[in-house]
Each structure stands twice: as C-alpha cells, then as structure tokens.
Amino acid sequence: LSIVDNHRGAWGHIDIDHIVFSDVLRDVRREHANWIDWGSDFYAARIFRDYDRAGGPLVWIGWMGNWDYANRLPMSWGQGALSIPRELRLVQEDGRYEIRQRPLSALQKLRGEKVDVTMSDVRGEVAVTDFRPSRNTYELIAEFDIGQPGQKVGLELCKGRGNKVSVIYDAATSNVMLDRRRSGSVSFSPHFPNVVSAPVPGSREKVMLHVFVDQSSIEVFVNDGAAVLTSQIFPDPADRGIGIVSFGAGAASALLSAWELRSIWEPHSNKEGQAQESGTSRNAGQQQRVNE
C-alpha cells in the first residue's frame, strides 16, 4: 500500500484513517459500519420474545419507512408499515461475531401451494412461466450456481409495462444489489428511486436469495441472512411478472421455489387439518398485504 503526496505548493499534508483490507468490495457509498439491513427502509426495530416457549428465538420487527419520504408516500396507510418478523441469532465467522436475521419460521404457515422451477442454462433474461402469482404477495427462494467468476445473476420481480424490481448478485464484487428505480410509483420523492447494495462474504460460486414481496415491500435475505435488504416499493398491482437473469461470459443454473402467501387474517389449515389464524398485523393500506 503506497500513499503519495504530489503537492508541490508551499503547504500540504495527507490525512488518512480506517484502512480496511477485504476480498469483498465494500464501496457502498456509506460509512463502513456492520449494517443490520442494507436496504432503504428498515428502522427502529422492536425486539420481543415468545415467553410461552422457553428458549425460543429472539424476534424483532422494524419500521419499514424512511424520513426522506415518509410523509409523501403514494398510499393511504400513512408513514410506512412493518417488516415481517425476523428471528435473530449471533454467529461467529472469521473470528468475529455477527448478528444474523432469518424470516420467522411461523411465516411458513401462510404458504400456498409450492412451485419448483429448475433452469440449467440461464443466459440473459428468462421469464418464469410456471409460477404466476395472483397478486404481488409471495415468497421466493432462488439458488444459483454461478458458471463464471464475473457472472451476474438474480431476479426481476413485479415486471410489467417497462417496470420491474431487480435483485442482482455480482460474483465479481461479491455484492448484491436491489434496484427499485422502475418499481412503479417512484416520482413522489427524488430520494425514492434508488439502488442499494450490500457486500456478501463467503463463496462466490453459489448464492441463495430468499425474497418476500408483499404488495408495497420487498425483503431480501441473502445466504441465510449474511446480508439483508429491505425496501418499500409501489408497483402497479397488474405488474406481476417474474424473471430470472444471468449476465456474463457463461451461463448459470437456477433452482427456484415459490409460494403465494395468504393474509394472516385468512383461515388456513395445520398438519392436523384444523383451521388456524395468526394475529400479527401491519398498518392498513389500499392493497391487502400478507399480514393485514
């Protein structure tokens, strides 16, 4: 590492601080903190525990909002909503401890029929035709095997009439990107149409994207919570297309599992066939969300 001052005037000096060596690109245009959530809209999380289950997981829910545009949202339900509940755990990796998040396992009770899609030679953009959600309320788990070191793979969601939300993993930089610039209604604030990214440590040959889309939100869990990105989106309800993408010199293979999600207010059956209802809620909106 060489730092050179080429100043030739009468006065000059070099100020440098906090040099970090990493095999993962961390130029995310933010301070180099250990971010819990790299998206635009996860704030003021509240922690709780189910004391009826001794030893159960610690859980939290965040406010899905941002004061840059909270008072200007194109919805009637006010200043944002709440994220899905997330289980917290402390993991040790590369000699340091990190907080990891994963979706609360009880959310699986909201799943509809499972749809599996396998694609062995993905090049460019490929539409997913086997899973056609009736509304933008669904869960996806996409696992990619990456053919080339410089490959970019990912998902395009809420597609239609030139609109889409992109979730792309770049193997060259080991970063995941969430792009909502064309996610539907974005003009209500200059701060809203943006691209956020997060560094993803670990192998660059495989990546898993666990995604929840809930009408006006997207929550992305990368590699079982190694990185998480949460952002609001406001797509047209008719824009429900889904695509798998792979860009680069080679091809990638992808395994996609998908479920439509019921509202928690809709009765559903457990393994014994008994009707159940769940009781978590978000703020009410113009469009029915999963847990409204």
C-alpha atoms as a PDB file:
ATOM      1  CA  LEU A   1       0.000   0.000   0.000  1.00  0.00           C
ATOM      2  CA  SER A   2       1.597   3.263  -1.136  1.00  0.00           C
ATOM      3  CA  ILE A   3       0.254   6.755  -0.389  1.00  0.00           C
ATOM      4  CA  VAL A   4       1.987   9.596  -2.225  1.00  0.00           C
ATOM      5  CA  ASP A   5       1.595  13.351  -1.764  1.00  0.00           C
ATOM      6  CA  ASN A   6       2.309  15.019  -5.102  1.00  0.00           C
ATOM      7  CA  HIS A   7       1.553  18.501  -3.855  1.00  0.00           C
ATOM      8  CA  ARG A   8       4.229  20.992  -4.984  1.00  0.00           C
ATOM      9  CA  GLY A   9       2.994  24.124  -3.265  1.00  0.00           C
ATOM     10  CA  ALA A  10       4.131  25.743  -0.073  1.00  0.00           C
ATOM     11  CA  TRP A  11       1.923  23.623   2.178  1.00  0.00           C
ATOM     12  CA  GLY A  12       0.309  20.225   2.026  1.00  0.00           C
ATOM     13  CA  HIS A  13      -0.370  17.095   4.021  1.00  0.00           C
ATOM     14  CA  ILE A  14      -2.173  13.750   3.888  1.00  0.00           C
ATOM     15  CA  ASP A  15      -4.980  12.726   6.234  1.00  0.00           C
ATOM     16  CA  ILE A  16      -5.945   9.038   6.152  1.00  0.00           C
ATOM     17  CA  ASP A  17      -7.925   6.893   8.525  1.00  0.00           C
ATOM     18  CA  HIS A  18      -9.539   3.474   8.783  1.00  0.00           C
ATOM     19  CA  ILE A  19      -7.870   1.373   6.090  1.00  0.00           C
ATOM     20  CA  VAL A  20      -9.688  -1.931   5.620  1.00  0.00           C
ATOM     21  CA  PHE A  21      -8.405  -4.903   3.620  1.00  0.00           C
ATOM     22  CA  SER A  22     -11.120  -7.186   2.247  1.00  0.00           C
ATOM     23  CA  ASP A  23     -11.731  -9.625  -0.588  1.00  0.00           C
ATOM     24  CA  VAL A  24     -15.277  -8.225  -0.897  1.00  0.00           C
ATOM     25  CA  LEU A  25     -15.955  -4.821  -2.437  1.00  0.00           C
ATOM     26  CA  ARG A  26     -17.399  -2.565   0.262  1.00  0.00           C
ATOM     27  CA  ASP A  27     -17.715   0.649  -1.720  1.00  0.00           C
ATOM     28  CA  VAL A  28     -21.400   1.057  -0.907  1.00  0.00           C
ATOM     29  CA  ARG A  29     -21.327   4.863  -0.510  1.00  0.00           C
ATOM     30  CA  ARG A  30     -21.978   4.593   3.223  1.00  0.00           C
ATOM     31  CA  GLU A  31     -19.859   4.623   6.321  1.00  0.00           C
ATOM     32  CA  HIS A  32     -18.216   1.254   6.745  1.00  0.00           C
ATOM     33  CA  ALA A  33     -20.409   0.002   9.564  1.00  0.00           C
ATOM     34  CA  ASN A  34     -21.635  -3.524  10.166  1.00  0.00           C
ATOM     35  CA  TRP A  35     -25.132  -2.802   8.867  1.00  0.00           C
ATOM     36  CA  ILE A  36     -28.036  -4.903  10.080  1.00  0.00           C
ATOM     37  CA  ASP A  37     -30.050  -4.100   6.950  1.00  0.00           C
ATOM     38  CA  TRP A  38     -28.659  -2.559   3.771  1.00  0.00           C
ATOM     39  CA  GLY A  39     -31.995  -1.553   2.264  1.00  0.00           C
ATOM     40  CA  SER A  40     -33.657   1.857   2.365  1.00  0.00           C
ATOM     41  CA  ASP A  41     -36.463   1.064   4.797  1.00  0.00           C
ATOM     42  CA  PHE A  42     -35.627  -0.835   7.977  1.00  0.00           C
ATOM     43  CA  TYR A  43     -35.564   1.372  11.051  1.00  0.00           C
ATOM     44  CA  ALA A  44     -36.396   1.485  14.786  1.00  0.00           C
ATOM     45  CA  ALA A  45     -36.651  -2.290  15.218  1.00  0.00           C
ATOM     46  CA  ARG A  46     -38.538  -3.554  18.257  1.00  0.00           C
ATOM     47  CA  ILE A  47     -37.428  -6.770  19.967  1.00  0.00           C
ATOM     48  CA  PHE A  48     -39.716  -9.284  21.609  1.00  0.00           C
ATOM     49  CA  ARG A  49     -39.739 -12.892  22.729  1.00  0.00           C
ATOM     50  CA  ASP A  50     -42.415 -15.559  22.996  1.00  0.00           C
ATOM     51  CA  TYR A  51     -42.224 -16.280  26.695  1.00  0.00           C
ATOM     52  CA  ASP A  52     -44.660 -19.184  26.350  1.00  0.00           C
ATOM     53  CA  ARG A  53     -41.887 -21.072  24.558  1.00  0.00           C
ATOM     54  CA  ALA A  54     -38.899 -21.102  26.879  1.00  0.00           C
ATOM     55  CA  GLY A  55     -35.701 -20.908  24.900  1.00  0.00           C
ATOM     56  CA  GLY A  56     -37.466 -19.747  21.748  1.00  0.00           C
ATOM     57  CA  PRO A  57     -35.803 -17.335  19.333  1.00  0.00           C
ATOM     58  CA  LEU A  58     -35.421 -13.625  19.907  1.00  0.00           C
ATOM     59  CA  VAL A  59     -37.568 -11.825  17.326  1.00  0.00           C
ATOM     60  CA  TRP A  60     -37.791  -8.279  16.065  1.00  0.00           C
ATOM     61  CA  ILE A  61     -39.851  -6.190  13.649  1.00  0.00           C
ATOM     62  CA  GLY A  62     -38.640  -2.979  12.033  1.00  0.00           C
ATOM     63  CA  TRP A  63     -40.444   0.113  10.816  1.00  0.00           C
ATOM     64  CA  MET A  64     -40.449  -0.092   7.043  1.00  0.00           C
ATOM     65  CA  GLY A  65     -40.072   3.603   6.326  1.00  0.00           C
ATOM     66  CA  ASN A  66     -37.639   6.417   5.738  1.00  0.00           C
ATOM     67  CA  TRP A  67     -37.989  10.037   6.873  1.00  0.00           C
ATOM     68  CA  ASP A  68     -36.685  11.219   3.494  1.00  0.00           C
ATOM     69  CA  TYR A  69     -40.131  10.459   2.057  1.00  0.00           C
ATOM     70  CA  ALA A  70     -42.326   9.052   4.862  1.00  0.00           C
ATOM     71  CA  ASN A  71     -44.782  11.951   4.631  1.00  0.00           C
ATOM     72  CA  ARG A  72     -45.118  11.705   0.857  1.00  0.00           C
ATOM     73  CA  LEU A  73     -45.907   8.030   0.242  1.00  0.00           C
ATOM     74  CA  PRO A  74     -48.454   7.281  -2.506  1.00  0.00           C
ATOM     75  CA  MET A  75     -50.609   5.168  -0.177  1.00  0.00           C
ATOM     76  CA  SER A  76     -53.356   5.908   2.308  1.00  0.00           C
ATOM     77  CA  TRP A  77     -51.933   3.923   5.225  1.00  0.00           C
ATOM     78  CA  GLY A  78     -49.589   6.621   6.465  1.00  0.00           C
ATOM     79  CA  GLN A  79     -45.911   6.659   7.239  1.00  0.00           C
ATOM     80  CA  GLY A  80     -44.787   3.207   6.232  1.00  0.00           C
ATOM     81  CA  ALA A  81     -45.540  -0.274   7.519  1.00  0.00           C
ATOM     82  CA  LEU A  82     -43.778  -3.001   9.486  1.00  0.00           C
ATOM     83  CA  SER A  83     -41.356  -5.612   8.217  1.00  0.00           C
ATOM     84  CA  ILE A  84     -42.000  -9.305   8.583  1.00  0.00           C
ATOM     85  CA  PRO A  85     -40.910 -10.655  11.982  1.00  0.00           C
ATOM     86  CA  ARG A  86     -37.347 -11.953  11.971  1.00  0.00           C
ATOM     87  CA  GLU A  87     -35.510 -14.397  14.174  1.00  0.00           C
ATOM     88  CA  LEU A  88     -32.180 -13.113  15.490  1.00  0.00           C
ATOM     89  CA  ARG A  89     -29.089 -15.164  16.151  1.00  0.00           C
ATOM     90  CA  LEU A  90     -25.441 -14.483  16.924  1.00  0.00           C
ATOM     91  CA  VAL A  91     -22.925 -16.303  14.712  1.00  0.00           C
ATOM     92  CA  GLN A  92     -19.156 -16.460  14.781  1.00  0.00           C
ATOM     93  CA  GLU A  93     -17.463 -16.200  11.410  1.00  0.00           C
ATOM     94  CA  ASP A  94     -13.838 -15.464  10.500  1.00  0.00           C
ATOM     95  CA  GLY A  95     -13.005 -14.775  14.117  1.00  0.00           C
ATOM     96  CA  ARG A  96     -15.755 -12.219  14.732  1.00  0.00           C
ATOM     97  CA  TYR A  97     -19.357 -12.214  15.866  1.00  0.00           C
ATOM     98  CA  GLU A  98     -22.234 -11.001  13.728  1.00  0.00           C
ATOM     99  CA  ILE A  99     -25.991 -10.658  14.157  1.00  0.00           C
ATOM    100  CA  ARG A 100     -27.877 -12.632  11.542  1.00  0.00           C
ATOM    101  CA  GLN A 101     -31.573 -12.485  10.678  1.00  0.00           C
ATOM    102  CA  ARG A 102     -33.875 -15.014   9.105  1.00  0.00           C
ATOM    103  CA  PRO A 103     -37.633 -14.899   8.464  1.00  0.00           C
ATOM    104  CA  LEU A 104     -39.718 -16.142  11.377  1.00  0.00           C
ATOM    105  CA  SER A 105     -40.356 -19.836  10.723  1.00  0.00           C
ATOM    106  CA  ALA A 106     -44.056 -19.441  11.587  1.00  0.00           C
ATOM    107  CA  LEU A 107     -44.485 -17.460   8.355  1.00  0.00           C
ATOM    108  CA  GLN A 108     -44.373 -20.789   6.510  1.00  0.00           C
ATOM    109  CA  LYS A 109     -47.964 -21.346   7.683  1.00  0.00           C
ATOM    110  CA  LEU A 110     -49.007 -18.651   5.196  1.00  0.00           C
ATOM    111  CA  ARG A 111     -47.603 -20.521   2.204  1.00  0.00           C
ATOM    112  CA  GLY A 112     -49.859 -21.739  -0.532  1.00  0.00           C
ATOM    113  CA  GLU A 113     -49.001 -24.494  -2.975  1.00  0.00           C
ATOM    114  CA  LYS A 114     -45.285 -24.844  -3.644  1.00  0.00           C
ATOM    115  CA  VAL A 115     -43.996 -24.390  -7.188  1.00  0.00           C
ATOM    116  CA  ASP A 116     -40.495 -25.583  -8.119  1.00  0.00           C
ATOM    117  CA  VAL A 117     -38.719 -24.327 -11.231  1.00  0.00           C
ATOM    118  CA  THR A 118     -35.335 -25.630 -12.447  1.00  0.00           C
ATOM    119  CA  MET A 119     -33.312 -23.841 -15.130  1.00  0.00           C
ATOM    120  CA  SER A 120     -29.995 -25.366 -16.154  1.00  0.00           C
ATOM    121  CA  ASP A 121     -28.650 -22.920 -18.758  1.00  0.00           C
ATOM    122  CA  VAL A 122     -29.729 -19.374 -17.968  1.00  0.00           C
ATOM    123  CA  ARG A 123     -28.389 -16.685 -20.284  1.00  0.00           C
ATOM    124  CA  GLY A 124     -29.817 -13.191 -20.338  1.00  0.00           C
ATOM    125  CA  GLU A 125     -33.411 -12.770 -19.137  1.00  0.00           C
ATOM    126  CA  VAL A 126     -35.703 -15.788 -18.845  1.00  0.00           C
ATOM    127  CA  ALA A 127     -39.347 -15.394 -17.853  1.00  0.00           C
ATOM    128  CA  VAL A 128     -40.734 -17.635 -15.108  1.00  0.00           C
ATOM    129  CA  THR A 129     -43.975 -19.035 -16.512  1.00  0.00           C
ATOM    130  CA  ASP A 130     -44.634 -21.890 -14.063  1.00  0.00           C
ATOM    131  CA  PHE A 131     -45.268 -19.520 -11.147  1.00  0.00           C
ATOM    132  CA  ARG A 132     -47.867 -16.843 -11.804  1.00  0.00           C
ATOM    133  CA  PRO A 133     -48.937 -15.150  -8.562  1.00  0.00           C
ATOM    134  CA  SER A 134     -52.443 -13.715  -8.482  1.00  0.00           C
ATOM    135  CA  ARG A 135     -51.067 -10.668  -6.634  1.00  0.00           C
ATOM    136  CA  ASN A 136     -47.680  -9.366  -5.545  1.00  0.00           C
ATOM    137  CA  THR A 137     -47.748 -11.249  -2.265  1.00  0.00           C
ATOM    138  CA  TYR A 138     -45.386 -14.203  -2.432  1.00  0.00           C
ATOM    139  CA  GLU A 139     -42.190 -15.822  -1.191  1.00  0.00           C
ATOM    140  CA  LEU A 140     -39.299 -16.975  -3.372  1.00  0.00           C
ATOM    141  CA  ILE A 141     -36.140 -18.951  -2.667  1.00  0.00           C
ATOM    142  CA  ALA A 142     -33.733 -18.823  -5.612  1.00  0.00           C
ATOM    143  CA  GLU A 143     -30.465 -20.785  -5.554  1.00  0.00           C
ATOM    144  CA  PHE A 144     -27.897 -20.047  -8.254  1.00  0.00           C
ATOM    145  CA  ASP A 145     -24.815 -21.985  -9.341  1.00  0.00           C
ATOM    146  CA  ILE A 146     -22.550 -19.437 -10.995  1.00  0.00           C
ATOM    147  CA  GLY A 147     -20.612 -20.531 -14.058  1.00  0.00           C
ATOM    148  CA  GLN A 148     -18.034 -17.730 -14.379  1.00  0.00           C
ATOM    149  CA  PRO A 149     -16.257 -15.516 -11.794  1.00  0.00           C
ATOM    150  CA  GLY A 150     -17.663 -12.363 -13.375  1.00  0.00           C
ATOM    151  CA  GLN A 151     -21.247 -13.574 -13.619  1.00  0.00           C
ATOM    152  CA  LYS A 152     -24.253 -11.528 -12.523  1.00  0.00           C
ATOM    153  CA  VAL A 153     -27.362 -13.484 -11.552  1.00  0.00           C
ATOM    154  CA  GLY A 154     -30.639 -12.634  -9.917  1.00  0.00           C
ATOM    155  CA  LEU A 155     -34.348 -11.928 -10.112  1.00  0.00           C
ATOM    156  CA  GLU A 156     -36.601  -9.403 -11.774  1.00  0.00           C
ATOM    157  CA  LEU A 157     -39.884  -9.012  -9.915  1.00  0.00           C
ATOM    158  CA  CYS A 158     -43.113  -7.029 -10.267  1.00  0.00           C
ATOM    159  CA  LYS A 159     -42.469  -6.823 -14.010  1.00  0.00           C
ATOM    160  CA  GLY A 160     -44.802  -5.191 -16.473  1.00  0.00           C
ATOM    161  CA  ARG A 161     -45.005  -2.286 -18.919  1.00  0.00           C
ATOM    162  CA  GLY A 162     -41.368  -1.347 -18.501  1.00  0.00           C
ATOM    163  CA  ASN A 163     -41.423  -1.617 -14.714  1.00  0.00           C
ATOM    164  CA  LYS A 164     -39.502  -4.064 -12.543  1.00  0.00           C
ATOM    165  CA  VAL A 165     -37.676  -4.528  -9.256  1.00  0.00           C
ATOM    166  CA  SER A 166     -34.241  -6.098  -9.712  1.00  0.00           C
ATOM    167  CA  VAL A 167     -32.286  -8.168  -7.190  1.00  0.00           C
ATOM    168  CA  ILE A 168     -28.871  -8.916  -8.704  1.00  0.00           C
ATOM    169  CA  TYR A 169     -25.804 -10.675  -7.270  1.00  0.00           C
ATOM    170  CA  ASP A 170     -22.447  -9.722  -8.811  1.00  0.00           C
ATOM    171  CA  ALA A 171     -19.921 -12.544  -8.366  1.00  0.00           C
ATOM    172  CA  ALA A 172     -17.026 -10.298  -9.416  1.00  0.00           C
ATOM    173  CA  THR A 173     -17.524  -7.977  -6.442  1.00  0.00           C
ATOM    174  CA  SER A 174     -19.499 -10.344  -4.168  1.00  0.00           C
ATOM    175  CA  ASN A 175     -22.205  -7.711  -3.784  1.00  0.00           C
ATOM    176  CA  VAL A 176     -25.978  -7.960  -4.042  1.00  0.00           C
ATOM    177  CA  MET A 177     -27.964  -5.036  -5.464  1.00  0.00           C
ATOM    178  CA  LEU A 178     -31.606  -4.024  -5.027  1.00  0.00           C
ATOM    179  CA  ASP A 179     -32.794  -1.655  -7.764  1.00  0.00           C
ATOM    180  CA  ARG A 180     -36.221  -0.003  -7.385  1.00  0.00           C
ATOM    181  CA  ARG A 181     -35.753   2.869  -9.831  1.00  0.00           C
ATOM    182  CA  ARG A 182     -38.501   1.481 -12.094  1.00  0.00           C
ATOM    183  CA  SER A 183     -40.580  -0.207  -9.407  1.00  0.00           C
ATOM    184  CA  GLY A 184     -43.848   1.565 -10.274  1.00  0.00           C
ATOM    185  CA  SER A 185     -44.764   4.758  -8.440  1.00  0.00           C
ATOM    186  CA  VAL A 186     -41.418   6.434  -7.713  1.00  0.00           C
ATOM    187  CA  SER A 187     -41.856  10.121  -8.591  1.00  0.00           C
ATOM    188  CA  PHE A 188     -43.323  11.244  -5.260  1.00  0.00           C
ATOM    189  CA  SER A 189     -39.805  11.903  -3.898  1.00  0.00           C
ATOM    190  CA  PRO A 190     -36.371  12.340  -5.535  1.00  0.00           C
ATOM    191  CA  HIS A 191     -34.915  10.161  -2.763  1.00  0.00           C
ATOM    192  CA  PHE A 192     -37.079   7.138  -3.533  1.00  0.00           C
ATOM    193  CA  PRO A 193     -35.891   5.773  -6.935  1.00  0.00           C
ATOM    194  CA  ASN A 194     -32.537   4.329  -5.874  1.00  0.00           C
ATOM    195  CA  VAL A 195     -30.158   1.383  -5.969  1.00  0.00           C
ATOM    196  CA  VAL A 196     -28.799  -0.077  -2.733  1.00  0.00           C
ATOM    197  CA  SER A 197     -26.148  -2.765  -2.405  1.00  0.00           C
ATOM    198  CA  ALA A 198     -24.641  -4.994   0.253  1.00  0.00           C
ATOM    199  CA  PRO A 199     -21.385  -6.972   0.477  1.00  0.00           C
ATOM    200  CA  VAL A 200     -21.872 -10.727   0.771  1.00  0.00           C
ATOM    201  CA  PRO A 201     -18.997 -12.668   2.359  1.00  0.00           C
ATOM    202  CA  GLY A 202     -18.292 -16.284   1.510  1.00  0.00           C
ATOM    203  CA  SER A 203     -18.188 -18.364  -1.660  1.00  0.00           C
ATOM    204  CA  ARG A 204     -18.809 -16.628  -4.991  1.00  0.00           C
ATOM    205  CA  GLU A 205     -19.762 -19.836  -6.786  1.00  0.00           C
ATOM    206  CA  LYS A 206     -23.217 -20.094  -5.234  1.00  0.00           C
ATOM    207  CA  VAL A 207     -25.752 -17.629  -3.884  1.00  0.00           C
ATOM    208  CA  MET A 208     -29.208 -18.019  -2.358  1.00  0.00           C
ATOM    209  CA  LEU A 209     -31.805 -15.223  -2.472  1.00  0.00           C
ATOM    210  CA  HIS A 210     -34.758 -15.602  -0.099  1.00  0.00           C
ATOM    211  CA  VAL A 211     -37.282 -12.927  -1.032  1.00  0.00           C
ATOM    212  CA  PHE A 212     -40.612 -11.768   0.380  1.00  0.00           C
ATOM    213  CA  VAL A 213     -42.747  -9.497  -1.798  1.00  0.00           C
ATOM    214  CA  ASP A 214     -45.798  -8.042  -0.050  1.00  0.00           C
ATOM    215  CA  GLN A 215     -47.628  -5.561  -2.322  1.00  0.00           C
ATOM    216  CA  SER A 216     -45.658  -2.492  -1.240  1.00  0.00           C
ATOM    217  CA  SER A 217     -42.473  -4.020   0.143  1.00  0.00           C
ATOM    218  CA  ILE A 218     -39.608  -6.328  -0.705  1.00  0.00           C
ATOM    219  CA  GLU A 219     -37.360  -8.045   1.841  1.00  0.00           C
ATOM    220  CA  VAL A 220     -34.287  -9.943   0.639  1.00  0.00           C
ATOM    221  CA  PHE A 221     -32.280 -12.386   2.770  1.00  0.00           C
ATOM    222  CA  VAL A 222     -29.012 -13.416   1.101  1.00  0.00           C
ATOM    223  CA  ASN A 223     -27.277 -16.679   2.044  1.00  0.00           C
ATOM    224  CA  ASP A 224     -29.373 -17.297   5.143  1.00  0.00           C
ATOM    225  CA  GLY A 225     -29.046 -13.743   6.429  1.00  0.00           C
ATOM    226  CA  ALA A 226     -25.416 -12.971   5.584  1.00  0.00           C
ATOM    227  CA  ALA A 227     -26.885  -9.771   4.082  1.00  0.00           C
ATOM    228  CA  VAL A 228     -30.422  -8.371   4.278  1.00  0.00           C
ATOM    229  CA  LEU A 229     -32.036  -5.616   2.205  1.00  0.00           C
ATOM    230  CA  THR A 230     -35.470  -4.166   2.956  1.00  0.00           C
ATOM    231  CA  SER A 231     -37.181  -1.534   0.816  1.00  0.00           C
ATOM    232  CA  GLN A 232     -40.636  -0.206   0.091  1.00  0.00           C
ATOM    233  CA  ILE A 233     -41.955  -0.494  -3.455  1.00  0.00           C
ATOM    234  CA  PHE A 234     -45.190   0.687  -5.052  1.00  0.00           C
ATOM    235  CA  PRO A 235     -45.760  -1.393  -8.205  1.00  0.00           C
ATOM    236  CA  ASP A 236     -48.955  -1.413 -10.193  1.00  0.00           C
ATOM    237  CA  PRO A 237     -50.988  -4.431  -8.962  1.00  0.00           C
ATOM    238  CA  ALA A 238     -51.139  -5.652 -12.556  1.00  0.00           C
ATOM    239  CA  ASP A 239     -47.323  -5.844 -12.820  1.00  0.00           C
ATOM    240  CA  ARG A 240     -46.759  -9.374 -11.525  1.00  0.00           C
ATOM    241  CA  GLY A 241     -44.172 -10.772 -13.933  1.00  0.00           C
ATOM    242  CA  ILE A 242     -41.143 -12.677 -12.620  1.00  0.00           C
ATOM    243  CA  GLY A 243     -37.854 -13.316 -14.407  1.00  0.00           C
ATOM    244  CA  ILE A 244     -34.507 -14.987 -13.758  1.00  0.00           C
ATOM    245  CA  VAL A 245     -31.421 -13.272 -15.165  1.00  0.00           C
ATOM    246  CA  SER A 246     -27.816 -14.235 -15.809  1.00  0.00           C
ATOM    247  CA  PHE A 247     -25.319 -11.926 -17.464  1.00  0.00           C
ATOM    248  CA  GLY A 248     -21.674 -12.581 -18.242  1.00  0.00           C
ATOM    249  CA  ALA A 249     -19.410 -14.776 -20.321  1.00  0.00           C
ATOM    250  CA  GLY A 250     -21.045 -18.052 -19.306  1.00  0.00           C
ATOM    251  CA  ALA A 251     -24.354 -19.395 -18.111  1.00  0.00           C
ATOM    252  CA  ALA A 252     -25.799 -20.092 -14.679  1.00  0.00           C
ATOM    253  CA  SER A 253     -28.183 -22.681 -13.324  1.00  0.00           C
ATOM    254  CA  ALA A 254     -31.023 -21.782 -11.005  1.00  0.00           C
ATOM    255  CA  LEU A 255     -33.426 -23.615  -8.717  1.00  0.00           C
ATOM    256  CA  LEU A 256     -36.490 -21.607  -7.742  1.00  0.00           C
ATOM    257  CA  SER A 257     -39.061 -22.471  -5.079  1.00  0.00           C
ATOM    258  CA  ALA A 258     -42.086 -20.181  -4.870  1.00  0.00           C
ATOM    259  CA  TRP A 259     -45.256 -19.829  -2.834  1.00  0.00           C
ATOM    260  CA  GLU A 260     -48.155 -17.415  -2.908  1.00  0.00           C
ATOM    261  CA  LEU A 261     -48.816 -16.140   0.616  1.00  0.00           C
ATOM    262  CA  ARG A 262     -52.159 -15.851   2.324  1.00  0.00           C
ATOM    263  CA  SER A 263     -53.121 -12.953   4.547  1.00  0.00           C
ATOM    264  CA  ILE A 264     -52.806 -13.826   8.232  1.00  0.00           C
ATOM    265  CA  TRP A 265     -56.495 -12.985   8.543  1.00  0.00           C
ATOM    266  CA  GLU A 266     -57.409 -15.816   6.179  1.00  0.00           C
ATOM    267  CA  PRO A 267     -58.057 -19.202   7.855  1.00  0.00           C
ATOM    268  CA  HIS A 268     -55.583 -21.910   6.958  1.00  0.00           C
ATOM    269  CA  SER A 269     -55.002 -25.498   7.976  1.00  0.00           C
ATOM    270  CA  ASN A 270     -52.201 -27.027  10.005  1.00  0.00           C
ATOM    271  CA  LYS A 271     -50.895 -30.563   9.572  1.00  0.00           C
ATOM    272  CA  GLU A 272     -53.841 -31.955  11.506  1.00  0.00           C
ATOM    273  CA  GLY A 273     -56.267 -30.156   9.186  1.00  0.00           C
ATOM    274  CA  GLN A 274     -57.535 -27.755  11.827  1.00  0.00           C
ATOM    275  CA  ALA A 275     -58.313 -24.156  10.870  1.00  0.00           C
ATOM    276  CA  GLN A 276     -55.905 -21.627  12.367  1.00  0.00           C
ATOM    277  CA  GLU A 277     -55.442 -17.889  12.260  1.00  0.00           C
ATOM    278  CA  SER A 278     -52.437 -15.768  13.081  1.00  0.00           C
ATOM    279  CA  GLY A 279     -52.607 -12.376  14.730  1.00  0.00           C
ATOM    280  CA  THR A 280     -49.742 -10.123  13.658  1.00  0.00           C
ATOM    281  CA  SER A 281     -50.706  -7.008  11.707  1.00  0.00           C
ATOM    282  CA  ARG A 282     -49.290  -4.086   9.809  1.00  0.00           C
ATOM    283  CA  ASN A 283     -50.921  -0.755   9.222  1.00  0.00           C
ATOM    284  CA  ALA A 284     -53.950  -0.992   6.937  1.00  0.00           C
ATOM    285  CA  GLY A 285     -53.488   0.038   3.286  1.00  0.00           C
ATOM    286  CA  GLN A 286     -55.187   0.410  -0.037  1.00  0.00           C
ATOM    287  CA  GLN A 287     -53.997  -3.042  -1.075  1.00  0.00           C
ATOM    288  CA  GLN A 288     -54.306  -6.052   1.214  1.00  0.00           C
ATOM    289  CA  ARG A 289     -50.925  -7.197   2.451  1.00  0.00           C
ATOM    290  CA  VAL A 290     -49.883 -10.590   3.802  1.00  0.00           C
ATOM    291  CA  ASN A 291     -50.437  -9.759   7.451  1.00  0.00           C
ATOM    292  CA  GLU A 292     -53.383  -7.400   7.246  1.00  0.00           C
END
